[in-house]
N, C-alpha and C. Protein backbone atom coordinates (compact mmCIF):
# COMPACT_ATOMS: atom_id res chain seq x y z
N UNK A 1 -10.82 6.74 12.16
CA UNK A 1 -11.95 6.75 13.20
C UNK A 1 -11.52 5.39 13.51
N UNK A 2 -12.08 4.89 14.85
CA UNK A 2 -11.35 3.93 15.98
C UNK A 2 -12.88 3.48 15.89
N UNK A 3 -13.33 2.62 15.87
CA UNK A 3 -14.89 1.55 16.45
C UNK A 3 -14.24 0.28 17.48
N UNK A 4 -14.71 0.06 18.26
CA UNK A 4 -15.02 -0.70 19.13
C UNK A 4 -15.95 -1.50 20.07
N UNK A 5 -15.73 -2.88 19.30
CA UNK A 5 -16.73 -3.59 19.96
C UNK A 5 -16.05 -4.79 20.58
N UNK A 6 -16.38 -4.57 21.49
CA UNK A 6 -16.13 -5.74 23.01
C UNK A 6 -14.97 -5.46 22.63
N UNK A 7 -13.98 -6.63 21.82
CA UNK A 7 -12.15 -7.35 22.74
C UNK A 7 -12.00 -7.07 20.97
N UNK A 8 -12.84 -6.22 19.67
CA UNK A 8 -11.94 -5.65 18.62
C UNK A 8 -12.43 -4.80 18.00
N UNK A 9 -10.71 -4.17 17.87
CA UNK A 9 -11.38 -2.25 17.20
C UNK A 9 -10.01 -2.14 16.07
N UNK A 10 -10.99 -1.41 15.21
CA UNK A 10 -10.15 -1.24 14.41
C UNK A 10 -10.77 0.26 14.00
N UNK A 11 -9.33 0.12 13.23
CA UNK A 11 -8.29 2.21 12.68
C UNK A 11 -7.82 2.12 11.35
N UNK A 12 -8.75 3.44 10.95
CA UNK A 12 -7.88 4.34 9.43
C UNK A 12 -7.56 4.88 8.64
N UNK A 13 -7.28 5.63 8.14
CA UNK A 13 -6.83 6.63 7.62
C UNK A 13 -6.84 6.66 5.94
N UNK A 14 -7.48 8.14 5.40
CA UNK A 14 -6.66 8.33 4.34
C UNK A 14 -6.42 9.12 3.56
N UNK A 15 -5.50 9.63 2.31
CA UNK A 15 -5.19 10.64 2.66
C UNK A 15 -4.50 11.47 1.13
N UNK A 16 -5.24 12.44 0.85
CA UNK A 16 -3.70 12.42 -1.05
C UNK A 16 -3.42 14.11 -0.36
N UNK A 17 -2.80 14.56 -1.00
CA UNK A 17 -1.79 15.67 -1.26
C UNK A 17 -1.04 15.72 -1.56
N UNK A 18 -0.34 16.68 -1.28
CA UNK A 18 1.38 17.24 -1.51
C UNK A 18 2.40 17.71 -0.33
N UNK A 19 3.22 17.12 -0.55
CA UNK A 19 4.80 17.34 0.80
C UNK A 19 3.99 17.35 2.15
N UNK A 20 3.42 15.96 2.01
CA UNK A 20 3.03 15.15 3.23
C UNK A 20 4.45 14.26 3.99
N UNK A 21 5.69 15.16 4.53
CA UNK A 21 6.70 14.15 5.11
C UNK A 21 5.98 14.88 6.85
N UNK A 22 5.48 15.61 7.38
CA UNK A 22 5.10 16.31 8.14
C UNK A 22 3.87 15.37 8.34
N UNK A 23 3.65 14.41 7.95
CA UNK A 23 2.28 13.33 7.73
C UNK A 23 3.32 11.99 8.28
N UNK A 24 4.34 12.11 7.71
CA UNK A 24 4.76 10.47 7.57
C UNK A 24 4.92 9.69 6.69
N UNK A 25 4.63 11.01 5.82
CA UNK A 25 4.70 9.78 4.48
C UNK A 25 5.69 10.14 3.60
N UNK A 26 6.96 8.51 3.17
CA UNK A 26 8.30 8.23 3.16
C UNK A 26 8.22 8.98 1.44
N UNK A 27 6.89 8.91 0.84
CA UNK A 27 7.06 9.18 -0.07
C UNK A 27 6.45 10.87 -1.23
N UNK A 28 5.81 11.60 -0.72
CA UNK A 28 5.79 12.35 -0.48
C UNK A 28 6.62 13.90 -0.25
N UNK A 29 7.76 13.75 -0.60
CA UNK A 29 9.09 14.42 0.26
C UNK A 29 9.05 16.45 -1.04
N UNK A 30 9.56 16.70 -0.94
CA UNK A 30 9.90 17.66 -2.31
C UNK A 30 10.66 17.88 -2.77
N UNK A 31 10.76 17.68 -3.87
CA UNK A 31 11.98 16.92 -5.43
C UNK A 31 12.46 18.19 -5.13
N UNK A 32 13.21 18.78 -6.46
CA UNK A 32 13.80 19.56 -6.52
C UNK A 32 14.14 19.55 -8.14
N UNK A 33 13.79 20.10 -9.73
CA UNK A 33 14.00 20.05 -10.86
C UNK A 33 14.16 21.36 -11.16
N UNK A 34 15.41 20.52 -12.27
CA UNK A 34 16.08 22.27 -12.91
C UNK A 34 15.43 22.63 -13.59
N UNK A 35 15.70 24.17 -13.59
CA UNK A 35 14.57 25.32 -14.72
C UNK A 35 15.41 24.99 -16.12
N UNK A 36 14.08 25.55 -16.60
CA UNK A 36 14.97 25.61 -18.74
C UNK A 36 15.83 26.04 -18.49
N UNK A 37 16.17 27.37 -17.99
CA UNK A 37 17.14 28.04 -18.41
C UNK A 37 18.55 27.76 -17.57
N UNK A 38 19.95 27.86 -18.42
CA UNK A 38 21.32 27.92 -17.87
C UNK A 38 20.57 28.78 -16.84
N UNK A 39 21.78 28.31 -15.56
CA UNK A 39 22.31 29.18 -14.74
C UNK A 39 20.81 30.35 -13.74
N UNK A 40 19.59 29.35 -13.93
CA UNK A 40 18.45 29.39 -13.56
C UNK A 40 18.03 29.65 -11.92
N UNK A 41 17.40 29.09 -11.07
CA UNK A 41 17.58 28.96 -9.80
C UNK A 41 16.27 27.95 -10.42
N UNK A 42 17.47 27.14 -9.04
CA UNK A 42 15.94 25.30 -9.27
C UNK A 42 14.77 25.74 -8.85
N UNK A 43 13.96 24.88 -9.49
CA UNK A 43 12.62 24.72 -9.20
C UNK A 43 12.24 23.50 -8.12
N UNK A 44 11.97 24.06 -7.39
CA UNK A 44 10.84 23.53 -6.52
C UNK A 44 9.50 22.26 -6.28
N UNK A 45 8.98 21.25 -6.88
CA UNK A 45 7.92 20.62 -6.91
C UNK A 45 7.82 19.44 -5.53
N UNK A 46 6.19 19.92 -5.17
CA UNK A 46 5.89 18.82 -4.15
C UNK A 46 4.81 17.92 -5.02
N UNK A 47 5.48 16.76 -4.82
CA UNK A 47 4.85 15.40 -5.63
C UNK A 47 3.52 15.59 -5.13
N UNK A 48 2.58 14.93 -6.01
CA UNK A 48 0.88 14.22 -5.23
C UNK A 48 1.27 12.98 -4.55
N UNK A 49 0.94 13.08 -3.26
CA UNK A 49 0.98 11.56 -3.05
C UNK A 49 -0.26 10.89 -2.40
N UNK A 50 -0.97 9.47 -2.78
CA UNK A 50 -2.33 9.40 -2.28
C UNK A 50 -1.95 7.63 -1.54
N UNK A 51 -2.84 7.77 -0.44
CA UNK A 51 -2.59 6.09 0.40
C UNK A 51 -3.76 5.89 1.53
N UNK A 52 -3.55 5.52 2.56
CA UNK A 52 -4.00 4.81 3.86
C UNK A 52 -3.47 3.43 4.06
N UNK A 53 -4.26 3.71 4.86
CA UNK A 53 -3.92 2.67 5.75
C UNK A 53 -5.03 2.17 6.92
N UNK A 54 -5.33 0.42 7.33
CA UNK A 54 -5.46 0.10 7.98
C UNK A 54 -5.50 -0.79 9.34
N UNK A 55 -5.79 -0.98 10.71
CA UNK A 55 -5.65 -2.36 11.63
C UNK A 55 -6.47 -2.62 11.42
N UNK A 56 -7.18 -4.05 12.51
CA UNK A 56 -7.33 -5.01 13.35
C UNK A 56 -7.11 -5.12 15.21
N UNK A 57 -7.00 -5.20 15.70
CA UNK A 57 -7.03 -5.13 16.63
C UNK A 57 -7.96 -6.69 17.61
N UNK A 58 -7.40 -7.37 17.97
CA UNK A 58 -8.16 -8.70 19.07
C UNK A 58 -7.77 -9.09 20.25
N UNK A 59 -9.03 -9.20 20.45
CA UNK A 59 -8.32 -9.48 22.43
C UNK A 59 -9.35 -10.41 22.79
N UNK A 60 -8.52 -11.55 22.82
CA UNK A 60 -9.88 -13.11 23.50
C UNK A 60 -10.28 -12.65 24.50
N UNK A 61 -11.65 -13.08 25.27
CA UNK A 61 -12.22 -12.48 26.29
C UNK A 61 -11.60 -13.10 27.62
N UNK A 62 -10.72 -12.63 27.75
CA UNK A 62 -10.31 -12.97 29.63
C UNK A 62 -8.84 -13.85 29.20
N UNK A 63 -8.22 -13.25 28.29
CA UNK A 63 -6.59 -13.60 27.58
C UNK A 63 -5.80 -12.75 27.80
N UNK A 64 -4.62 -13.60 27.56
CA UNK A 64 -3.55 -12.88 28.59
C UNK A 64 -3.18 -12.14 27.13
N UNK A 65 -3.67 -12.34 26.06
CA UNK A 65 -2.99 -12.56 24.54
C UNK A 65 -4.46 -11.04 24.14
N UNK A 66 -3.05 -10.21 23.38
CA UNK A 66 -3.53 -9.49 22.17
C UNK A 66 -2.82 -9.58 21.06
N UNK A 67 -3.57 -9.29 19.92
CA UNK A 67 -3.36 -9.82 18.35
C UNK A 67 -3.67 -8.54 17.74
N UNK A 68 -3.05 -7.81 16.84
CA UNK A 68 -3.32 -6.72 15.57
C UNK A 68 -2.47 -6.92 14.78
N UNK A 69 -3.03 -6.72 13.61
CA UNK A 69 -2.37 -6.70 12.04
C UNK A 69 -3.09 -5.49 11.20
N UNK A 70 -1.81 -5.60 10.20
CA UNK A 70 -2.70 -3.83 9.50
C UNK A 70 -1.34 -3.87 8.17
N UNK A 71 -2.29 -2.83 7.38
CA UNK A 71 -1.13 -2.13 6.14
C UNK A 71 -1.29 -1.36 5.95
N UNK A 72 -0.50 -0.69 4.51
CA UNK A 72 -0.79 0.83 4.11
C UNK A 72 0.21 0.17 2.99
N UNK A 73 -0.62 1.47 2.47
CA UNK A 73 -0.04 1.55 0.63
C UNK A 73 -0.27 3.29 0.94
N UNK A 74 1.25 3.61 0.35
CA UNK A 74 1.22 4.78 -0.24
C UNK A 74 1.70 5.28 -1.99
N UNK A 75 1.09 6.33 -2.56
CA UNK A 75 1.37 5.92 -4.51
C UNK A 75 1.34 7.59 -4.96
N UNK A 76 2.72 7.34 -5.23
CA UNK A 76 3.27 9.01 -6.48
C UNK A 76 2.15 9.34 -6.98
N UNK A 77 2.49 10.54 -7.74
CA UNK A 77 1.58 10.88 -8.68
C UNK A 77 2.34 10.21 -10.54
N UNK A 78 2.30 9.41 -11.58
CA UNK A 78 3.38 8.84 -11.94
C UNK A 78 3.59 10.07 -13.09
N UNK A 79 3.12 11.28 -13.23
CA UNK A 79 3.75 12.17 -14.11
C UNK A 79 4.45 12.31 -13.62
N UNK A 80 4.52 13.25 -12.30
CA UNK A 80 5.86 13.75 -11.27
C UNK A 80 6.01 12.88 -11.02
N UNK A 81 6.26 11.86 -10.53
CA UNK A 81 7.75 10.95 -10.64
C UNK A 81 7.72 10.91 -11.70
N UNK A 82 7.68 10.18 -12.70
CA UNK A 82 8.72 9.95 -14.06
C UNK A 82 8.92 11.30 -14.40
N UNK A 83 9.21 12.22 -14.51
CA UNK A 83 9.62 14.13 -14.43
C UNK A 83 11.19 14.45 -13.98
N UNK A 84 10.32 13.36 -12.47
CA UNK A 84 11.72 13.97 -11.74
C UNK A 84 12.74 13.11 -11.61
N UNK A 85 12.42 11.14 -12.46
CA UNK A 85 12.83 10.01 -13.00
C UNK A 85 13.77 11.20 -14.47
N UNK A 86 13.10 11.90 -15.12
CA UNK A 86 14.42 12.15 -16.58
C UNK A 86 14.48 12.73 -16.17
N UNK A 87 14.42 14.08 -15.53
CA UNK A 87 14.95 15.73 -15.04
C UNK A 87 16.47 14.88 -13.78
N UNK A 88 16.37 14.29 -13.15
CA UNK A 88 17.57 14.11 -12.33
C UNK A 88 18.20 12.50 -11.76
N UNK A 89 17.54 12.37 -11.04
CA UNK A 89 17.61 10.88 -10.16
C UNK A 89 16.85 10.15 -9.94
N UNK A 90 16.68 8.60 -9.37
CA UNK A 90 15.47 8.00 -8.99
C UNK A 90 15.52 8.11 -8.71
N UNK A 91 13.37 7.60 -8.13
CA UNK A 91 12.34 8.20 -7.04
C UNK A 91 11.28 7.63 -7.11
N UNK A 92 11.15 7.35 -5.58
CA UNK A 92 10.62 6.79 -4.71
C UNK A 92 8.51 6.59 -5.50
N UNK A 93 8.30 5.50 -6.29
CA UNK A 93 6.76 5.10 -6.69
C UNK A 93 6.19 5.12 -6.23
N UNK A 94 5.94 4.23 -5.45
CA UNK A 94 5.09 3.88 -3.98
C UNK A 94 5.64 2.87 -2.68
N UNK A 95 5.19 2.33 -1.76
CA UNK A 95 5.20 2.14 -0.80
C UNK A 95 4.09 1.16 -0.03
N UNK A 96 4.59 0.00 0.28
CA UNK A 96 3.43 -1.49 0.69
C UNK A 96 4.49 -1.71 2.33
N UNK A 97 3.23 -1.52 2.92
CA UNK A 97 3.52 -1.63 4.49
C UNK A 97 2.73 -3.06 5.04
N UNK A 98 2.85 -3.58 5.27
CA UNK A 98 2.11 -4.71 6.23
C UNK A 98 2.89 -5.52 7.38
N UNK A 99 2.37 -5.23 8.58
CA UNK A 99 2.66 -5.74 9.49
C UNK A 99 1.61 -6.82 10.91
N UNK A 100 2.14 -7.13 11.74
CA UNK A 100 1.31 -8.15 12.49
C UNK A 100 2.66 -7.94 14.16
N UNK A 101 1.12 -8.28 14.93
CA UNK A 101 2.28 -8.34 16.00
C UNK A 101 1.20 -8.86 17.32
N UNK A 102 2.04 -9.94 18.91
CA UNK A 102 1.54 -10.73 19.37
C UNK A 102 1.23 -9.76 20.34
N UNK A 103 0.64 -9.88 21.65
CA UNK A 103 1.20 -9.26 22.82
C UNK A 103 1.07 -9.57 23.70
N UNK A 104 1.76 -10.60 25.11
CA UNK A 104 0.99 -11.27 25.93
C UNK A 104 1.83 -10.50 27.46
N UNK A 105 0.88 -10.92 27.84
CA UNK A 105 0.96 -10.51 28.88
C UNK A 105 1.07 -11.47 30.60
N UNK A 106 2.44 -11.90 30.50
CA UNK A 106 2.48 -12.91 31.53
C UNK A 106 2.16 -13.35 32.98
N UNK A 107 2.73 -11.35 33.23
CA UNK A 107 2.34 -11.16 34.84
C UNK A 107 2.30 -10.48 34.70
N UNK A 108 1.49 -9.31 36.29
CA UNK A 108 1.07 -8.44 36.17
C UNK A 108 2.11 -7.44 35.85
N UNK A 109 1.84 -6.28 35.52
CA UNK A 109 2.19 -5.43 35.07
C UNK A 109 4.35 -5.92 34.01
N UNK A 110 3.72 -6.37 33.71
CA UNK A 110 4.65 -7.19 32.34
C UNK A 110 3.88 -6.98 31.16
N UNK A 111 4.47 -6.67 30.09
CA UNK A 111 4.38 -7.15 29.31
C UNK A 111 5.01 -7.09 28.12
N UNK A 112 4.94 -8.52 26.78
CA UNK A 112 5.27 -9.04 26.31
C UNK A 112 5.70 -8.85 24.33
N UNK A 113 5.64 -8.30 23.60
CA UNK A 113 5.62 -8.45 22.45
C UNK A 113 6.39 -8.68 21.10
N UNK A 114 5.74 -10.02 20.30
CA UNK A 114 6.64 -9.88 19.34
C UNK A 114 6.24 -9.53 17.58
N UNK A 115 6.48 -8.27 16.52
CA UNK A 115 5.49 -8.45 15.67
C UNK A 115 6.87 -8.14 14.27
N UNK A 116 6.15 -8.73 13.23
CA UNK A 116 7.01 -8.93 12.02
C UNK A 116 6.19 -7.90 10.81
N UNK A 117 7.40 -7.28 10.00
CA UNK A 117 6.65 -6.27 9.47
C UNK A 117 7.22 -6.70 8.12
N UNK A 118 7.20 -5.88 6.84
CA UNK A 118 7.08 -6.44 5.49
C UNK A 118 7.31 -4.82 4.61
N UNK A 119 7.84 -4.44 4.11
CA UNK A 119 7.84 -3.41 3.21
C UNK A 119 7.73 -3.53 1.91
N UNK A 120 7.34 -3.30 0.85
CA UNK A 120 8.07 -2.98 -0.42
C UNK A 120 7.66 -1.62 -1.34
N UNK A 121 8.98 -1.34 -1.36
CA UNK A 121 9.42 -0.05 -1.73
C UNK A 121 9.94 -0.30 -3.23
N UNK A 122 8.88 0.59 -4.55
CA UNK A 122 9.71 0.46 -5.49
C UNK A 122 10.03 1.79 -6.29
N UNK A 123 10.81 1.49 -6.50
CA UNK A 123 11.97 3.15 -6.99
C UNK A 123 11.88 2.69 -9.45
N UNK A 124 11.28 4.08 -9.42
CA UNK A 124 11.45 4.80 -11.16
C UNK A 124 13.27 4.94 -11.13
N UNK A 125 13.46 4.15 -11.85
CA UNK A 125 14.80 4.74 -12.59
C UNK A 125 15.10 4.87 -13.94
N UNK A 126 16.39 5.75 -14.53
CA UNK A 126 16.66 6.05 -16.10
C UNK A 126 17.22 5.58 -16.02
N UNK A 127 17.30 4.18 -17.65
CA UNK A 127 18.14 2.88 -17.98
C UNK A 127 17.85 3.76 -19.31
N UNK A 128 19.32 4.02 -19.99
CA UNK A 128 19.92 4.65 -21.34
C UNK A 128 18.29 5.38 -22.63
N UNK A 129 17.76 6.06 -21.33
CA UNK A 129 16.68 7.23 -21.85
C UNK A 129 15.31 6.52 -21.81
N UNK A 130 15.15 5.11 -20.81
CA UNK A 130 13.48 4.56 -20.85
C UNK A 130 13.30 4.41 -19.02
N UNK A 131 12.85 4.88 -18.22
CA UNK A 131 12.09 4.40 -17.57
C UNK A 131 11.95 3.18 -16.38
N UNK A 132 12.70 2.48 -15.76
CA UNK A 132 12.54 0.67 -15.64
C UNK A 132 12.04 1.30 -14.29
N UNK A 133 11.63 0.31 -13.09
CA UNK A 133 10.91 0.02 -12.12
C UNK A 133 11.72 -0.92 -11.51
N UNK A 134 12.09 -0.84 -10.18
CA UNK A 134 12.94 -2.29 -9.40
C UNK A 134 12.33 -2.04 -7.81
N UNK A 135 11.67 -3.29 -7.27
CA UNK A 135 11.61 -3.01 -5.81
C UNK A 135 12.22 -3.44 -4.85
N UNK A 136 12.29 -2.41 -4.00
CA UNK A 136 13.49 -2.83 -2.08
C UNK A 136 12.73 -3.15 -1.67
N UNK A 137 12.98 -4.93 -0.91
CA UNK A 137 11.91 -5.34 0.33
C UNK A 137 12.23 -5.18 1.60
N UNK A 138 12.02 -5.35 2.50
CA UNK A 138 12.32 -5.42 3.64
C UNK A 138 11.79 -6.26 4.83
N UNK A 139 11.79 -7.60 5.51
CA UNK A 139 11.62 -7.81 6.27
C UNK A 139 11.75 -7.91 7.57
N UNK A 140 11.13 -7.41 8.59
CA UNK A 140 12.07 -7.12 9.78
C UNK A 140 10.75 -8.19 11.06
N UNK A 141 11.66 -7.88 12.13
CA UNK A 141 10.79 -8.82 13.45
C UNK A 141 11.55 -8.65 15.01
N UNK A 142 11.15 -7.86 15.70
CA UNK A 142 10.74 -6.84 16.56
C UNK A 142 10.22 -8.02 17.49
N UNK A 143 10.86 -7.41 19.53
CA UNK A 143 10.23 -8.06 20.10
C UNK A 143 11.33 -7.54 21.23
N UNK A 144 9.82 -6.57 22.41
CA UNK A 144 9.41 -5.57 23.73
C UNK A 144 9.50 -6.32 24.25
N UNK A 145 9.60 -5.82 25.28
CA UNK A 145 8.87 -6.70 26.48
C UNK A 145 9.22 -5.12 27.84
N UNK A 146 7.84 -4.32 28.29
CA UNK A 146 7.62 -3.52 29.26
C UNK A 146 6.83 -3.95 31.24
N UNK A 147 7.92 -3.39 31.27
CA UNK A 147 7.79 -3.62 32.74
C UNK A 147 7.23 -2.38 33.59
N UNK A 148 6.11 -2.12 33.82
CA UNK A 148 5.32 -1.32 34.82
C UNK A 148 5.50 -0.83 36.67
N UNK A 149 5.81 -0.15 36.95
CA UNK A 149 6.30 -0.08 38.15
C UNK A 149 5.21 0.97 38.73
């Protein structure tokens, strides 16, 4: 839902489901688990995931600047991720994303933007029969410019 109040706007979304790759969920992808009988076909299991995101945008009145920031989180079902880790390989268990950006219109029909983002992904994996966790992080920055004519 988007709410606009003068120069401030917010947006957000929550989700719960499984196999949500088509909804841009990095964690809700399909995984395969070996069936119990040797030689039997693989069983495909959809991992349940829940999460959401939110953002806020602020443009001071009469300013050439616009600022926005936001965050998102998705968490996989613990029992399913533990099952995948025990049966086969490492599995993502959650994602956290935080970002902020600044846009400026220095000239008519010219917009420049600078964005900083942080992503933290937690993975589960098997070490000597015990499930362990570790985090992978990514801090990134981007600059872009748009010229309209």
